[in-house]
């Protein structure tokens, strides 16, 4: 009988942990979805890299600023700068999720680099 009680307690414990509600956070509808945010961050990364690689001469007015690139990226993704900032703050509050987003970003950038080498 003791064994049945022990088994019943163990089963109840297992069921309790197995039925634990999903603790994953649901992104509010006002926040840019995670995959879209990763794509935007990739575009921003590429734009910043491009700006750094531009050879500056005396007439720097010929070159676009990083803010110009940001505006193009926001327009391309059909978002505002405020929406981007809000999403960036939202995702950066969960460091594990934010790190995972940057890992996704690095994976996608590596794939893009490999595809560029092939072409």
N, C-alpha and C. Protein backbone atom coordinates (compact mmCIF):
# COMPACT_ATOMS: atom_id res chain seq x y z
N UNK A 1 0.82 -1.19 0.00
CA UNK A 1 0.00 0.00 0.00
C UNK A 1 0.87 1.26 0.00
N UNK A 2 1.99 1.20 0.78
CA UNK A 2 2.89 2.36 0.82
C UNK A 2 3.42 2.66 -0.58
N UNK A 3 3.70 1.60 -1.33
CA UNK A 3 4.24 1.79 -2.68
C UNK A 3 3.22 2.46 -3.60
N UNK A 4 1.96 2.12 -3.43
CA UNK A 4 0.92 2.73 -4.25
C UNK A 4 0.78 4.21 -3.94
N UNK A 5 0.89 4.58 -2.67
CA UNK A 5 0.81 5.99 -2.27
C UNK A 5 2.01 6.74 -2.84
N UNK A 6 3.19 6.14 -2.75
CA UNK A 6 4.40 6.77 -3.28
C UNK A 6 4.29 6.95 -4.79
N UNK A 7 3.82 5.93 -5.47
CA UNK A 7 3.66 6.00 -6.93
C UNK A 7 2.62 7.07 -7.28
N UNK A 8 1.54 7.14 -6.54
CA UNK A 8 0.49 8.13 -6.79
C UNK A 8 1.04 9.54 -6.60
N UNK A 9 1.83 9.73 -5.55
CA UNK A 9 2.43 11.05 -5.30
C UNK A 9 3.39 11.42 -6.43
N UNK A 10 4.21 10.45 -6.85
CA UNK A 10 5.14 10.71 -7.94
C UNK A 10 4.40 11.05 -9.24
N UNK A 11 3.33 10.31 -9.53
CA UNK A 11 2.54 10.58 -10.74
C UNK A 11 1.91 11.96 -10.69
N UNK A 12 1.37 12.32 -9.54
CA UNK A 12 0.77 13.65 -9.39
C UNK A 12 1.81 14.74 -9.59
N UNK A 13 2.99 14.49 -9.02
CA UNK A 13 4.09 15.46 -9.19
C UNK A 13 4.48 15.60 -10.65
N UNK A 14 4.58 14.47 -11.34
CA UNK A 14 4.93 14.50 -12.78
C UNK A 14 3.87 15.23 -13.58
N UNK A 15 2.60 14.93 -13.28
CA UNK A 15 1.52 15.60 -13.99
C UNK A 15 1.52 17.10 -13.72
N UNK A 16 1.81 17.47 -12.49
CA UNK A 16 1.86 18.90 -12.13
C UNK A 16 2.89 19.62 -12.96
N UNK A 17 4.09 19.06 -13.07
CA UNK A 17 5.14 19.71 -13.84
C UNK A 17 4.89 19.61 -15.34
N UNK A 18 4.30 18.52 -15.79
CA UNK A 18 4.01 18.35 -17.21
C UNK A 18 2.90 19.30 -17.66
N UNK A 19 1.97 19.60 -16.78
CA UNK A 19 0.85 20.48 -17.12
C UNK A 19 1.13 21.93 -16.77
N UNK A 20 2.34 22.21 -16.43
CA UNK A 20 2.72 23.57 -16.08
C UNK A 20 2.40 24.50 -17.25
N UNK A 21 1.77 25.63 -17.00
CA UNK A 21 1.40 26.51 -18.10
C UNK A 21 2.64 27.01 -18.84
N UNK A 22 2.45 27.29 -20.10
CA UNK A 22 3.53 27.78 -20.94
C UNK A 22 3.98 29.14 -20.42
N UNK A 23 5.25 29.25 -20.07
CA UNK A 23 5.77 30.49 -19.52
C UNK A 23 6.34 31.40 -20.60
N UNK A 24 6.30 30.96 -21.86
CA UNK A 24 6.81 31.80 -22.93
C UNK A 24 5.93 33.04 -23.04
N UNK A 25 6.58 34.16 -23.19
CA UNK A 25 5.82 35.40 -23.26
C UNK A 25 5.22 35.58 -24.64
N UNK A 26 4.04 36.12 -24.65
CA UNK A 26 3.36 36.43 -25.90
C UNK A 26 3.68 37.89 -26.22
N UNK A 27 4.19 38.11 -27.41
CA UNK A 27 4.57 39.46 -27.81
C UNK A 27 3.31 40.27 -28.08
N UNK A 28 3.21 41.45 -27.45
CA UNK A 28 2.03 42.29 -27.71
C UNK A 28 1.91 42.62 -29.20
N UNK A 29 0.70 42.81 -29.66
CA UNK A 29 0.46 43.06 -31.08
C UNK A 29 1.06 44.38 -31.55
N UNK A 30 1.35 45.28 -30.62
CA UNK A 30 1.94 46.57 -31.00
C UNK A 30 3.45 46.48 -31.22
N UNK A 31 4.04 45.34 -30.85
CA UNK A 31 5.49 45.15 -30.97
C UNK A 31 5.79 44.43 -32.29
N UNK A 32 6.86 44.83 -32.94
CA UNK A 32 7.31 44.18 -34.17
C UNK A 32 7.57 42.71 -33.87
N UNK A 33 7.05 41.78 -34.69
CA UNK A 33 7.29 40.36 -34.45
C UNK A 33 8.79 40.02 -34.46
N UNK A 34 9.15 39.00 -33.71
CA UNK A 34 10.55 38.62 -33.51
C UNK A 34 11.30 38.42 -34.83
N UNK A 35 10.75 37.63 -35.75
CA UNK A 35 11.44 37.37 -37.01
C UNK A 35 11.64 38.64 -37.83
N UNK A 36 10.64 39.51 -37.81
CA UNK A 36 10.77 40.79 -38.52
C UNK A 36 11.84 41.65 -37.86
N UNK A 37 11.88 41.60 -36.54
CA UNK A 37 12.88 42.39 -35.81
C UNK A 37 14.29 41.89 -36.15
N UNK A 38 14.45 40.59 -36.26
CA UNK A 38 15.76 40.03 -36.63
C UNK A 38 16.16 40.52 -38.02
N UNK A 39 15.21 40.52 -38.95
CA UNK A 39 15.49 40.99 -40.32
C UNK A 39 15.87 42.47 -40.31
N UNK A 40 15.21 43.27 -39.51
CA UNK A 40 15.52 44.69 -39.41
C UNK A 40 16.91 44.88 -38.82
N UNK A 41 17.23 44.13 -37.77
CA UNK A 41 18.55 44.22 -37.15
C UNK A 41 19.65 43.83 -38.13
N UNK A 42 19.37 42.86 -38.98
CA UNK A 42 20.35 42.47 -40.01
C UNK A 42 20.58 43.62 -40.97
N UNK A 43 19.49 44.24 -41.43
CA UNK A 43 19.63 45.38 -42.35
C UNK A 43 20.40 46.53 -41.70
N UNK A 44 20.13 46.77 -40.42
CA UNK A 44 20.85 47.83 -39.70
C UNK A 44 22.33 47.48 -39.59
N UNK A 45 22.62 46.24 -39.27
CA UNK A 45 24.00 45.79 -39.16
C UNK A 45 24.73 45.99 -40.49
N UNK A 46 24.09 45.59 -41.58
CA UNK A 46 24.70 45.74 -42.91
C UNK A 46 24.91 47.21 -43.26
N UNK A 47 23.93 48.05 -42.94
CA UNK A 47 24.05 49.48 -43.21
C UNK A 47 25.20 50.09 -42.41
N UNK A 48 25.31 49.72 -41.14
CA UNK A 48 26.40 50.25 -40.31
C UNK A 48 27.75 49.77 -40.82
N UNK A 49 27.83 48.54 -41.28
CA UNK A 49 29.07 48.03 -41.85
C UNK A 49 29.43 48.78 -43.12
N UNK A 50 28.43 49.05 -43.93
CA UNK A 50 28.66 49.77 -45.17
C UNK A 50 29.17 51.19 -44.89
N UNK A 51 28.57 51.85 -43.93
CA UNK A 51 28.99 53.21 -43.57
C UNK A 51 30.44 53.20 -43.10
N UNK A 52 30.81 52.20 -42.29
CA UNK A 52 32.18 52.12 -41.79
C UNK A 52 33.18 51.88 -42.91
N UNK A 53 32.74 51.19 -43.95
CA UNK A 53 33.64 50.87 -45.05
C UNK A 53 33.73 51.96 -46.11
N UNK A 54 32.86 52.93 -46.05
CA UNK A 54 32.91 54.01 -47.04
C UNK A 54 34.16 54.84 -46.76
N UNK A 55 34.88 55.04 -47.81
CA UNK A 55 36.09 55.85 -47.68
C UNK A 55 35.68 57.31 -47.67
N UNK A 56 35.96 57.96 -46.58
CA UNK A 56 35.58 59.38 -46.44
C UNK A 56 36.63 60.27 -47.11
N UNK A 57 36.15 61.17 -47.94
CA UNK A 57 37.06 62.17 -48.47
C UNK A 57 36.65 63.52 -47.92
N UNK A 58 37.19 64.57 -48.44
CA UNK A 58 36.92 65.89 -47.87
C UNK A 58 35.46 66.31 -48.04
N UNK A 59 34.82 65.85 -49.09
CA UNK A 59 33.43 66.24 -49.32
C UNK A 59 32.50 65.14 -48.79
N UNK A 60 32.31 65.13 -47.48
CA UNK A 60 31.49 64.09 -46.86
C UNK A 60 30.00 64.29 -47.12
N UNK A 61 29.61 65.42 -47.69
CA UNK A 61 28.20 65.67 -47.96
C UNK A 61 27.69 64.75 -49.07
N UNK A 62 28.61 64.15 -49.84
CA UNK A 62 28.21 63.25 -50.91
C UNK A 62 27.72 61.91 -50.37
N UNK A 63 28.04 61.62 -49.15
CA UNK A 63 27.70 60.32 -48.58
C UNK A 63 26.48 60.41 -47.69
N UNK A 64 25.71 59.36 -47.72
CA UNK A 64 24.55 59.28 -46.84
C UNK A 64 25.01 59.05 -45.41
N UNK A 65 24.24 59.53 -44.46
CA UNK A 65 24.55 59.28 -43.05
C UNK A 65 23.86 58.00 -42.62
N UNK A 66 24.24 57.50 -41.47
CA UNK A 66 23.61 56.29 -40.95
C UNK A 66 22.12 56.53 -40.71
N UNK A 67 21.76 57.74 -40.32
CA UNK A 67 20.35 58.07 -40.11
C UNK A 67 19.56 57.95 -41.42
N UNK A 68 20.20 58.33 -42.54
CA UNK A 68 19.55 58.16 -43.85
C UNK A 68 19.27 56.68 -44.11
N UNK A 69 20.26 55.85 -43.82
CA UNK A 69 20.08 54.41 -44.00
C UNK A 69 18.99 53.86 -43.09
N UNK A 70 18.98 54.31 -41.83
CA UNK A 70 17.94 53.86 -40.91
C UNK A 70 16.56 54.19 -41.46
N UNK A 71 16.40 55.39 -41.97
CA UNK A 71 15.09 55.79 -42.50
C UNK A 71 14.69 54.92 -43.69
N UNK A 72 15.64 54.59 -44.54
CA UNK A 72 15.37 53.70 -45.68
C UNK A 72 14.95 52.32 -45.17
N UNK A 73 15.66 51.82 -44.17
CA UNK A 73 15.34 50.50 -43.60
C UNK A 73 13.95 50.51 -42.98
N UNK A 74 13.64 51.54 -42.21
CA UNK A 74 12.32 51.62 -41.58
C UNK A 74 11.22 51.68 -42.64
N UNK A 75 11.47 52.45 -43.69
CA UNK A 75 10.48 52.55 -44.77
C UNK A 75 10.32 51.21 -45.47
N UNK A 76 11.43 50.54 -45.73
CA UNK A 76 11.39 49.23 -46.40
C UNK A 76 10.59 48.22 -45.59
N UNK A 77 10.73 48.26 -44.28
CA UNK A 77 10.02 47.32 -43.40
C UNK A 77 8.65 47.86 -42.95
N UNK A 78 8.30 49.03 -43.45
CA UNK A 78 7.00 49.65 -43.16
C UNK A 78 6.78 49.85 -41.66
N UNK A 79 7.80 50.40 -41.01
CA UNK A 79 7.70 50.71 -39.58
C UNK A 79 8.21 52.13 -39.36
N UNK A 80 7.94 52.66 -38.19
CA UNK A 80 8.48 53.98 -37.82
C UNK A 80 9.69 53.78 -36.92
N UNK A 81 10.44 54.83 -36.76
CA UNK A 81 11.58 54.77 -35.85
C UNK A 81 11.11 54.50 -34.43
N UNK A 82 9.96 55.07 -34.08
CA UNK A 82 9.41 54.87 -32.74
C UNK A 82 9.03 53.41 -32.51
N UNK A 83 8.45 52.78 -33.53
CA UNK A 83 8.10 51.36 -33.42
C UNK A 83 9.36 50.51 -33.22
N UNK A 84 10.41 50.84 -33.96
CA UNK A 84 11.66 50.11 -33.82
C UNK A 84 12.22 50.27 -32.41
N UNK A 85 12.26 51.49 -31.93
CA UNK A 85 12.79 51.75 -30.59
C UNK A 85 11.99 51.01 -29.52
N UNK A 86 10.66 51.05 -29.66
CA UNK A 86 9.79 50.36 -28.70
C UNK A 86 10.06 48.86 -28.70
N UNK A 87 10.19 48.29 -29.90
CA UNK A 87 10.46 46.85 -30.02
C UNK A 87 11.85 46.51 -29.48
N UNK A 88 12.83 47.35 -29.77
CA UNK A 88 14.19 47.12 -29.30
C UNK A 88 14.22 47.10 -27.77
N UNK A 89 13.55 48.05 -27.16
CA UNK A 89 13.48 48.10 -25.69
C UNK A 89 12.76 46.87 -25.15
N UNK A 90 11.64 46.51 -25.80
CA UNK A 90 10.86 45.34 -25.36
C UNK A 90 11.71 44.07 -25.38
N UNK A 91 12.37 43.80 -26.52
CA UNK A 91 13.15 42.57 -26.64
C UNK A 91 14.41 42.59 -25.76
N UNK A 92 14.98 43.75 -25.56
CA UNK A 92 16.21 43.81 -24.76
C UNK A 92 15.96 43.60 -23.27
N UNK A 93 14.70 43.64 -22.84
CA UNK A 93 14.38 43.38 -21.43
C UNK A 93 14.54 41.91 -21.06
N UNK A 94 14.44 41.03 -22.05
CA UNK A 94 14.62 39.59 -21.83
C UNK A 94 15.95 39.20 -22.48
N UNK A 95 17.01 39.20 -21.69
CA UNK A 95 18.36 39.03 -22.23
C UNK A 95 18.53 37.69 -22.95
N UNK A 96 17.89 36.64 -22.46
CA UNK A 96 18.00 35.34 -23.13
C UNK A 96 17.38 35.38 -24.52
N UNK A 97 16.20 35.99 -24.61
CA UNK A 97 15.54 36.11 -25.91
C UNK A 97 16.35 37.02 -26.83
N UNK A 98 16.88 38.09 -26.27
CA UNK A 98 17.67 39.04 -27.05
C UNK A 98 18.94 38.36 -27.59
N UNK A 99 19.59 37.58 -26.75
CA UNK A 99 20.77 36.82 -27.20
C UNK A 99 20.39 35.84 -28.30
N UNK A 100 19.25 35.18 -28.15
CA UNK A 100 18.80 34.23 -29.17
C UNK A 100 18.53 34.94 -30.49
N UNK A 101 17.99 36.15 -30.42
CA UNK A 101 17.75 36.93 -31.64
C UNK A 101 19.07 37.25 -32.33
N UNK A 102 20.08 37.63 -31.55
CA UNK A 102 21.38 37.93 -32.14
C UNK A 102 22.06 36.68 -32.68
N UNK A 103 21.82 35.55 -32.07
CA UNK A 103 22.34 34.29 -32.62
C UNK A 103 21.69 34.00 -33.96
N UNK A 104 20.36 34.20 -34.04
CA UNK A 104 19.65 34.03 -35.32
C UNK A 104 20.22 34.98 -36.36
N UNK A 105 20.47 36.19 -35.93
CA UNK A 105 21.02 37.20 -36.83
C UNK A 105 22.38 36.76 -37.37
N UNK A 106 23.24 36.26 -36.49
CA UNK A 106 24.57 35.80 -36.91
C UNK A 106 24.47 34.62 -37.87
N UNK A 107 23.54 33.71 -37.61
CA UNK A 107 23.35 32.56 -38.50
C UNK A 107 22.92 33.04 -39.88
N UNK A 108 21.95 33.94 -39.92
CA UNK A 108 21.47 34.45 -41.22
C UNK A 108 22.57 35.22 -41.95
N UNK A 109 23.35 36.01 -41.21
CA UNK A 109 24.45 36.75 -41.84
C UNK A 109 25.50 35.80 -42.39
N UNK A 110 25.79 34.74 -41.67
CA UNK A 110 26.75 33.74 -42.15
C UNK A 110 26.26 33.08 -43.43
N UNK A 111 24.96 32.76 -43.47
CA UNK A 111 24.38 32.17 -44.68
C UNK A 111 24.47 33.15 -45.85
N UNK A 112 24.19 34.42 -45.58
CA UNK A 112 24.27 35.44 -46.62
C UNK A 112 25.70 35.55 -47.14
N UNK A 113 26.65 35.48 -46.24
CA UNK A 113 28.06 35.57 -46.62
C UNK A 113 28.46 34.37 -47.49
N UNK A 114 28.01 33.17 -47.09
CA UNK A 114 28.31 31.96 -47.87
C UNK A 114 27.68 32.05 -49.26
N UNK A 115 26.44 32.53 -49.33
CA UNK A 115 25.77 32.67 -50.62
C UNK A 115 26.48 33.68 -51.51
N UNK A 116 27.01 34.74 -50.90
CA UNK A 116 27.73 35.75 -51.67
C UNK A 116 29.03 35.19 -52.22
N UNK A 117 29.67 34.29 -51.48
CA UNK A 117 30.92 33.67 -51.94
C UNK A 117 30.67 32.76 -53.13
N UNK A 118 29.52 32.08 -53.14
CA UNK A 118 29.19 31.14 -54.20
C UNK A 118 28.92 31.89 -55.51
N UNK A 119 28.26 33.02 -55.40
CA UNK A 119 27.88 33.78 -56.61
C UNK A 119 29.06 34.47 -57.14
